Amino acid sequence: MPQQITKRRGFGSTYETPQSTLPKLKSKAAELKSKNNNTLHGFKNSRTAQKEYEAQERMKQQMTIEKISLPPNISYGLVRSYLLHYGYEDTLHSFDLAGKSTVPPVFIAQENGVDEQDITYALNQRKTLRQLIRSGDIDAAFCKLRNWYPWIVQDDKSSTCFLLHCQKFIELVRVGALEEAVKYGRTELAKFFGLTGFADLVQDCVALLAYEKPQESSVGYLLEDSQREVVADTVNAMILSTNPNMKDLQGCLHSYLERLLRQLTACCLERRTMNGDQGEAFQLHRVLNSGNKAKC
């Protein structure tokens, strides 16, 4: 049946009724839908091309990394530099003997990039101080520092002196000499109250006196060996910083091995961020522990 077009007159003109315009509207809608589909299809193609490009770039980076030549004994040098950095002289000698007794013997590659000149400085003295602090003999550690490096303890309100005084207080609590600890706190720790950066640790130290079993309290971490290590590491870094030939003062704080692990952690976190925080979060201790479990 032919389409009926109804025309009306008004003000000297004619126009089509809504019934007559419906086919035109459908045609226009179909045209717009087709254009939208083409646009969407083009967008998807663009995203696919971008992903392919990113994948190719990652492959190029991986190939570049794999082509980097590393000395065969780089891991040996990193461990050795760690022992040197923290003054583990006896362990270092045992490590070197073990390396020489292997077949074939392990020797440090000259091109391994580890400069041992800075971290061999005052090795025996740093070993002695670490042993004293780890055994809780803070008085002897103070005495050695005054004899060997008086400028380190010259300022009695320095961070190094603060940690040593706190550790002395902790050692008194450890052996149950509470009255002596109170006296020591009044004479040596009181001077640090109100000083920026010291208040929290001072309060935790004093809080040890409030518990019958302080090792089981919220401040019990102070009685662990790890706290002694913190103090020993600080003293070790201060001695390394006195080396007149030290090229990198920041290197006094962390060994080459620790800096490498920090870089690894930062890179893994950055890669996860670039992937929209998708995937499991990187945790270094989990990776290290998984390696130990695999060996077992």
Protein backbone atom coordinates (compact mmCIF):
# COMPACT_ATOMS: atom_id res chain seq x y z
CA MET A 1 0.00 0.00 0.00
CA PRO A 2 1.61 3.33 -1.00
CA GLN A 3 2.64 5.60 1.84
CA GLN A 4 0.13 8.28 2.56
CA ILE A 5 1.56 11.73 2.91
CA THR A 6 -0.62 14.23 4.58
CA LYS A 7 0.07 17.86 3.94
CA ARG A 8 -1.23 20.78 5.85
CA ARG A 9 -1.18 24.37 4.97
CA GLY A 10 -0.32 27.12 7.30
CA PHE A 11 1.08 30.55 6.74
CA GLY A 12 1.55 29.81 3.04
CA SER A 13 3.76 26.61 3.47
CA THR A 14 3.34 22.85 3.65
CA TYR A 15 5.04 20.25 5.92
CA GLU A 16 4.98 16.50 6.39
CA THR A 17 3.27 14.86 9.32
CA PRO A 18 5.23 12.75 11.92
CA GLN A 19 4.04 9.54 10.24
CA SER A 20 5.86 10.49 7.08
CA THR A 21 9.21 11.35 8.80
CA LEU A 22 9.54 8.07 10.77
CA PRO A 23 11.43 6.18 8.00
CA LYS A 24 13.91 9.04 7.68
CA LEU A 25 14.57 9.04 11.46
CA LYS A 26 15.19 5.27 11.41
CA SER A 27 17.60 5.69 8.53
CA LYS A 28 19.48 8.44 10.38
CA ALA A 29 19.66 6.35 13.56
CA ALA A 30 21.08 3.40 11.63
CA GLU A 31 23.68 5.67 10.07
CA LEU A 32 24.75 7.03 13.49
CA LYS A 33 24.91 3.50 14.93
CA SER A 34 27.15 2.42 12.09
CA LYS A 35 29.47 5.36 12.70
CA ASN A 36 29.59 4.60 16.44
CA ASN A 37 30.43 0.96 15.76
CA ASN A 38 33.24 2.01 13.45
CA THR A 39 34.57 4.42 16.07
CA LEU A 40 34.43 1.77 18.80
CA HIS A 41 36.12 -0.74 16.53
CA GLY A 42 38.87 1.77 15.79
CA PHE A 43 39.33 2.47 19.52
CA LYS A 44 39.67 -1.25 20.25
CA ASN A 45 42.23 -1.59 17.47
CA SER A 46 44.15 1.34 18.90
CA ARG A 47 44.20 -0.24 22.39
CA THR A 48 45.34 -3.55 20.94
CA ALA A 49 48.11 -1.85 19.00
CA GLN A 50 49.21 -0.01 22.17
CA LYS A 51 49.37 -3.26 24.16
CA GLU A 52 51.36 -4.94 21.40
CA TYR A 53 53.78 -2.00 21.35
CA GLU A 54 54.21 -2.13 25.15
CA ALA A 55 54.82 -5.88 25.00
CA GLN A 56 57.49 -5.38 22.33
CA GLU A 57 59.17 -2.67 24.41
CA ARG A 58 59.20 -4.92 27.48
CA MET A 59 60.75 -7.69 25.40
CA LYS A 60 63.45 -5.30 24.14
CA GLN A 61 64.23 -4.20 27.71
CA GLN A 62 64.42 -7.80 28.87
CA MET A 63 66.80 -8.67 26.03
CA THR A 64 68.96 -5.67 26.90
CA ILE A 65 69.11 -6.74 30.55
CA GLU A 66 70.02 -10.31 29.60
CA LYS A 67 72.91 -9.04 27.46
CA ILE A 68 74.50 -7.24 30.44
CA SER A 69 77.67 -9.06 31.38
CA LEU A 70 78.21 -9.71 35.09
CA PRO A 71 81.39 -11.05 36.67
CA PRO A 72 81.02 -14.73 37.60
CA ASN A 73 81.81 -14.06 41.25
CA ILE A 74 79.66 -10.95 41.73
CA SER A 75 77.53 -12.61 44.43
CA TYR A 76 80.66 -13.60 46.34
CA GLY A 77 81.87 -10.00 46.21
CA LEU A 78 78.52 -8.65 47.45
CA VAL A 79 78.51 -10.96 50.47
CA ARG A 80 82.11 -10.14 51.22
CA SER A 81 81.43 -6.40 51.02
CA TYR A 82 78.52 -6.86 53.45
CA LEU A 83 80.79 -8.50 56.02
CA LEU A 84 83.40 -5.79 55.52
CA HIS A 85 80.87 -2.99 55.82
CA TYR A 86 79.52 -4.12 59.19
CA GLY A 87 82.84 -5.14 60.69
CA TYR A 88 82.34 -8.91 60.83
CA GLU A 89 86.06 -9.50 60.60
CA ASP A 90 86.14 -13.06 61.95
CA THR A 91 83.27 -14.17 59.73
CA LEU A 92 85.01 -12.52 56.79
CA HIS A 93 88.18 -14.56 57.36
CA SER A 94 86.14 -17.78 57.55
CA PHE A 95 84.28 -16.79 54.39
CA ASP A 96 87.53 -16.17 52.50
CA LEU A 97 89.01 -19.48 53.67
CA ALA A 98 85.88 -21.32 52.57
CA GLY A 99 86.07 -19.66 49.15
CA LYS A 100 89.71 -20.63 48.66
CA SER A 101 89.06 -24.23 49.66
CA THR A 102 86.38 -24.80 47.02
CA VAL A 103 87.11 -26.44 43.68
CA PRO A 104 87.78 -24.32 41.75
CA PRO A 105 88.74 -21.60 44.27
CA VAL A 106 86.61 -18.46 44.37
CA PHE A 107 88.40 -15.18 43.75
CA ILE A 108 86.97 -11.69 43.67
CA ALA A 109 86.73 -10.29 40.16
CA GLN A 110 88.54 -6.98 39.82
CA GLU A 111 85.72 -5.56 37.67
CA ASN A 112 82.89 -6.40 40.08
CA GLY A 113 82.25 -2.70 40.81
CA VAL A 114 82.65 -3.07 44.58
CA ASP A 115 85.14 -0.62 46.08
CA GLU A 116 86.44 -2.29 49.24
CA GLN A 117 88.88 0.49 50.12
CA ASP A 118 86.24 2.53 51.94
CA ILE A 119 84.77 -0.36 53.93
CA THR A 120 88.04 -1.91 55.10
CA TYR A 121 88.68 1.24 57.14
CA ALA A 122 89.16 0.56 60.89
CA LEU A 123 87.89 -2.98 60.44
CA ASN A 124 89.34 -4.37 63.68
CA GLN A 125 88.11 -1.46 65.78
CA ARG A 126 84.63 -1.66 64.30
CA LYS A 127 84.59 -5.40 65.01
CA THR A 128 85.56 -4.80 68.64
CA LEU A 129 82.89 -2.16 69.19
CA ARG A 130 80.20 -4.33 67.60
CA GLN A 131 81.12 -7.23 69.87
CA LEU A 132 80.97 -5.02 72.96
CA ILE A 133 77.58 -3.57 72.06
CA ARG A 134 76.14 -6.95 71.10
CA SER A 135 77.24 -8.33 74.47
CA GLY A 136 75.60 -5.40 76.29
CA ASP A 137 78.87 -3.88 77.58
CA ILE A 138 78.01 -0.27 76.79
CA ASP A 139 80.46 1.21 79.32
CA ALA A 140 83.35 -0.52 77.54
CA ALA A 141 82.04 0.68 74.18
CA PHE A 142 81.94 4.27 75.44
CA CYS A 143 85.49 3.88 76.75
CA LYS A 144 86.80 2.59 73.41
CA LEU A 145 85.07 5.39 71.51
CA ARG A 146 86.56 8.02 73.80
CA ASN A 147 90.03 6.58 73.21
CA TRP A 148 89.77 5.89 69.47
CA TYR A 149 87.21 8.40 68.17
CA PRO A 150 86.64 11.07 70.83
CA TRP A 151 84.97 13.45 68.36
CA ILE A 152 82.12 10.96 67.85
CA VAL A 153 81.09 11.15 71.53
CA GLN A 154 82.22 14.72 72.10
CA ASP A 155 78.66 16.01 71.75
CA ASP A 156 76.80 14.15 74.49
CA LYS A 157 73.47 15.04 72.87
CA SER A 158 74.29 13.56 69.48
CA SER A 159 72.22 10.73 68.01
CA THR A 160 75.05 8.25 68.60
CA CYS A 161 75.40 9.14 72.29
CA PHE A 162 71.63 9.09 72.66
CA LEU A 163 71.37 5.53 71.36
CA LEU A 164 74.27 4.39 73.53
CA HIS A 165 72.72 5.96 76.65
CA CYS A 166 69.37 4.35 75.85
CA GLN A 167 71.05 0.99 75.37
CA LYS A 168 72.85 1.33 78.70
CA PHE A 169 69.49 1.97 80.37
CA ILE A 170 67.99 -1.05 78.57
CA GLU A 171 70.84 -3.31 79.68
CA LEU A 172 70.27 -2.29 83.32
CA VAL A 173 66.60 -3.20 83.01
CA ARG A 174 67.56 -6.47 81.34
CA VAL A 175 69.59 -7.62 84.36
CA GLY A 176 66.99 -6.37 86.85
CA ALA A 177 69.01 -3.41 88.18
CA LEU A 178 65.94 -1.19 88.24
CA GLU A 179 67.11 1.30 90.89
CA GLU A 180 70.34 1.85 89.00
CA ALA A 181 68.34 2.20 85.79
CA VAL A 182 66.19 4.92 87.37
CA LYS A 183 69.29 6.83 88.50
CA TYR A 184 70.89 6.48 85.09
CA GLY A 185 67.71 7.64 83.39
CA ARG A 186 67.55 10.77 85.56
CA THR A 187 71.14 11.73 84.81
CA GLU A 188 71.55 10.66 81.18
CA LEU A 189 68.15 10.24 79.52
CA ALA A 190 66.45 13.26 81.08
CA LYS A 191 68.56 15.59 78.95
CA PHE A 192 66.90 14.24 75.80
CA PHE A 193 63.32 14.94 76.88
CA GLY A 194 61.76 17.52 74.59
CA LEU A 195 64.42 17.18 71.90
CA THR A 196 63.04 16.51 68.42
CA GLY A 197 63.48 12.93 67.29
CA PHE A 198 64.36 11.54 70.71
CA ALA A 199 61.15 11.69 72.72
CA ASP A 200 59.51 8.47 71.45
CA LEU A 201 62.46 6.21 72.22
CA VAL A 202 63.02 7.83 75.62
CA GLN A 203 59.39 7.22 76.54
CA ASP A 204 59.61 3.58 75.43
CA CYS A 205 62.75 3.07 77.50
CA VAL A 206 61.17 4.56 80.60
CA ALA A 207 58.04 2.46 80.02
CA LEU A 208 60.12 -0.68 80.58
CA LEU A 209 60.06 0.11 84.31
CA ALA A 210 56.28 -0.13 84.44
CA TYR A 211 56.11 -3.85 83.62
CA GLU A 212 56.85 -6.83 85.80
CA LYS A 213 57.80 -8.74 82.64
CA PRO A 214 58.94 -5.99 80.25
CA GLN A 215 60.05 -8.48 77.59
CA GLU A 216 56.38 -9.44 77.13
CA SER A 217 55.13 -5.85 76.95
CA SER A 218 54.52 -3.56 74.00
CA VAL A 219 58.02 -2.10 74.48
CA GLY A 220 59.65 -5.51 74.80
CA TYR A 221 61.29 -5.03 71.40
CA LEU A 222 63.93 -2.95 73.16
CA LEU A 223 65.18 -6.05 74.97
CA GLU A 224 65.69 -8.01 71.76
CA ASP A 225 69.08 -8.47 70.13
CA SER A 226 67.88 -6.50 67.12
CA GLN A 227 67.96 -3.30 69.20
CA ARG A 228 71.60 -3.92 70.04
CA GLU A 229 72.23 -4.32 66.32
CA VAL A 230 70.63 -0.94 65.63
CA VAL A 231 73.03 0.73 68.06
CA ALA A 232 76.03 -1.21 66.72
CA ASP A 233 75.13 -0.28 63.12
CA THR A 234 74.91 3.39 64.06
CA VAL A 235 78.33 3.37 65.72
CA ASN A 236 79.74 1.45 62.75
CA ALA A 237 78.39 4.06 60.30
CA MET A 238 79.79 6.92 62.34
CA ILE A 239 83.28 5.37 62.32
CA LEU A 240 83.12 4.78 58.56
CA SER A 241 82.16 8.44 58.10
CA THR A 242 85.44 9.51 59.75
CA ASN A 243 87.43 7.91 56.92
CA PRO A 244 89.14 10.85 55.16
CA ASN A 245 89.13 8.90 51.91
CA MET A 246 85.41 8.11 52.02
CA LYS A 247 83.91 9.04 48.64
CA ASP A 248 80.24 8.46 49.38
CA LEU A 249 79.05 9.40 52.87
CA GLN A 250 75.64 7.86 52.16
CA GLY A 251 77.46 4.58 51.64
CA CYS A 252 78.27 4.53 55.37
CA LEU A 253 74.68 3.68 56.18
CA HIS A 254 74.07 0.65 53.97
CA SER A 255 76.17 -2.02 52.31
CA TYR A 256 76.23 -2.64 48.55
CA LEU A 257 74.05 -5.71 49.04
CA GLU A 258 71.39 -3.76 50.95
CA ARG A 259 71.35 -0.98 48.36
CA LEU A 260 70.89 -3.57 45.62
CA LEU A 261 67.94 -5.13 47.47
CA ARG A 262 66.42 -1.69 48.01
CA GLN A 263 66.68 -1.00 44.29
CA LEU A 264 65.09 -4.36 43.51
CA THR A 265 62.19 -3.58 45.83
CA ALA A 266 61.69 -0.10 44.34
CA CYS A 267 61.69 -1.45 40.77
CA CYS A 268 59.17 -4.18 41.58
CA LEU A 269 56.86 -1.68 43.26
CA GLU A 270 57.17 0.72 40.32
CA ARG A 271 56.37 -2.04 37.84
CA ARG A 272 53.26 -2.96 39.83
CA THR A 273 52.17 0.69 39.83
CA MET A 274 52.56 0.87 36.06
CA ASN A 275 50.33 -2.22 35.78
CA GLY A 276 47.54 -0.46 37.65
CA ASP A 277 48.43 -2.07 41.01
CA GLN A 278 47.45 -5.44 39.57
CA GLY A 279 48.98 -8.63 40.91
CA GLU A 280 50.52 -9.61 44.21
CA ALA A 281 52.39 -6.91 46.11
CA PHE A 282 56.15 -7.44 46.23
CA GLN A 283 57.56 -8.31 49.66
CA LEU A 284 61.29 -8.87 49.88
CA HIS A 285 61.22 -10.98 53.05
CA ARG A 286 58.77 -13.37 51.37
CA VAL A 287 61.11 -13.82 48.39
CA LEU A 288 64.09 -14.47 50.67
CA ASN A 289 62.14 -16.93 52.81
CA SER A 290 60.89 -18.78 49.75
CA GLY A 291 64.50 -19.28 48.71
CA ASN A 292 65.33 -20.78 52.09
CA LYS A 293 62.33 -23.14 51.93
CA ALA A 294 63.34 -24.30 48.46
CA LYS A 295 66.78 -25.28 49.77
CA CYS A 296 65.23 -27.25 52.61
